[in-house]
N, C-alpha and C. Protein backbone atom coordinates (compact mmCIF):
# COMPACT_ATOMS: atom_id res chain seq x y z
N ASN A 1 -199.09 -4.57 -34.82
CA ASN A 1 -200.00 -5.40 -34.02
C ASN A 1 -199.52 -6.85 -34.03
N PRO A 2 -198.93 -7.34 -32.95
CA PRO A 2 -198.38 -8.71 -32.91
C PRO A 2 -199.45 -9.77 -33.07
N PHE A 3 -200.69 -9.44 -32.75
CA PHE A 3 -201.76 -10.43 -32.87
C PHE A 3 -202.20 -10.60 -34.33
N ASN A 4 -201.63 -9.77 -35.20
CA ASN A 4 -201.96 -9.88 -36.62
C ASN A 4 -200.91 -10.68 -37.37
N ASN A 5 -199.96 -11.26 -36.61
CA ASN A 5 -198.84 -11.97 -37.23
C ASN A 5 -199.01 -13.49 -37.15
N GLN A 6 -200.24 -13.94 -36.95
CA GLN A 6 -200.44 -15.38 -36.84
C GLN A 6 -200.24 -16.06 -38.19
N HIS A 7 -199.69 -17.27 -38.14
CA HIS A 7 -199.45 -18.04 -39.35
C HIS A 7 -200.59 -19.03 -39.54
N ILE A 8 -201.08 -19.09 -40.75
CA ILE A 8 -202.20 -19.97 -41.05
C ILE A 8 -201.71 -21.09 -41.96
N ILE A 9 -201.90 -22.33 -41.51
CA ILE A 9 -201.52 -23.48 -42.34
C ILE A 9 -202.73 -23.86 -43.18
N THR A 10 -202.52 -23.98 -44.48
CA THR A 10 -203.63 -24.31 -45.37
C THR A 10 -203.14 -25.12 -46.56
N TRP A 11 -204.07 -25.55 -47.39
CA TRP A 11 -203.73 -26.31 -48.58
C TRP A 11 -204.29 -25.59 -49.79
N ASP A 12 -203.50 -25.57 -50.88
CA ASP A 12 -204.02 -24.98 -52.10
C ASP A 12 -204.80 -26.03 -52.88
N SER A 13 -205.24 -25.66 -54.07
CA SER A 13 -206.09 -26.56 -54.86
C SER A 13 -205.35 -27.81 -55.30
N GLY A 14 -204.01 -27.77 -55.23
CA GLY A 14 -203.21 -28.93 -55.60
C GLY A 14 -202.79 -29.75 -54.39
N SER A 15 -203.42 -29.47 -53.25
CA SER A 15 -203.14 -30.18 -52.00
C SER A 15 -201.71 -29.95 -51.53
N ASN A 16 -201.13 -28.80 -51.91
CA ASN A 16 -199.80 -28.45 -51.43
C ASN A 16 -199.95 -27.69 -50.13
N LEU A 17 -199.17 -28.11 -49.13
CA LEU A 17 -199.24 -27.45 -47.84
C LEU A 17 -198.58 -26.09 -47.92
N MET A 18 -199.29 -25.07 -47.46
CA MET A 18 -198.75 -23.72 -47.51
C MET A 18 -198.89 -23.07 -46.15
N MET A 19 -198.04 -22.08 -45.89
CA MET A 19 -198.18 -21.28 -44.70
C MET A 19 -198.50 -19.86 -45.12
N VAL A 20 -199.65 -19.36 -44.72
CA VAL A 20 -200.06 -18.02 -45.08
C VAL A 20 -199.73 -17.08 -43.94
N HIS A 21 -199.02 -16.02 -44.26
CA HIS A 21 -198.65 -15.04 -43.24
C HIS A 21 -199.09 -13.67 -43.75
N GLY A 22 -200.16 -13.16 -43.20
CA GLY A 22 -200.71 -11.91 -43.70
C GLY A 22 -201.22 -12.11 -45.11
N ASP A 23 -200.77 -11.26 -46.05
CA ASP A 23 -201.21 -11.40 -47.44
C ASP A 23 -200.15 -12.11 -48.28
N LYS A 24 -199.19 -12.76 -47.60
CA LYS A 24 -198.14 -13.47 -48.31
C LYS A 24 -198.21 -14.94 -47.95
N PHE A 25 -197.65 -15.78 -48.80
CA PHE A 25 -197.62 -17.20 -48.48
C PHE A 25 -196.34 -17.80 -49.02
N LYS A 26 -195.97 -18.93 -48.46
CA LYS A 26 -194.85 -19.68 -49.00
C LYS A 26 -195.18 -21.16 -48.90
N PHE A 27 -194.64 -21.94 -49.82
CA PHE A 27 -194.87 -23.36 -49.78
C PHE A 27 -194.03 -23.99 -48.68
N ILE A 28 -194.63 -24.91 -47.97
CA ILE A 28 -193.91 -25.64 -46.93
C ILE A 28 -193.45 -26.97 -47.53
N THR A 29 -192.15 -27.23 -47.42
CA THR A 29 -191.62 -28.48 -47.95
C THR A 29 -191.42 -29.48 -46.82
N GLU A 30 -191.08 -30.69 -47.18
CA GLU A 30 -190.84 -31.73 -46.19
C GLU A 30 -189.44 -31.64 -45.62
N GLU A 31 -188.62 -30.76 -46.21
CA GLU A 31 -187.23 -30.66 -45.78
C GLU A 31 -187.14 -29.96 -44.44
N GLU A 32 -186.10 -30.31 -43.67
CA GLU A 32 -185.90 -29.66 -42.37
C GLU A 32 -184.79 -28.64 -42.50
């Protein structure tokens, strides 16, 4: 289901920006 592949941008309790994809997440860094 392609509509279930949306990426959610959120912040954890340490104010670190994260991207949540399904039940997985990765930290987003400032690096390009």
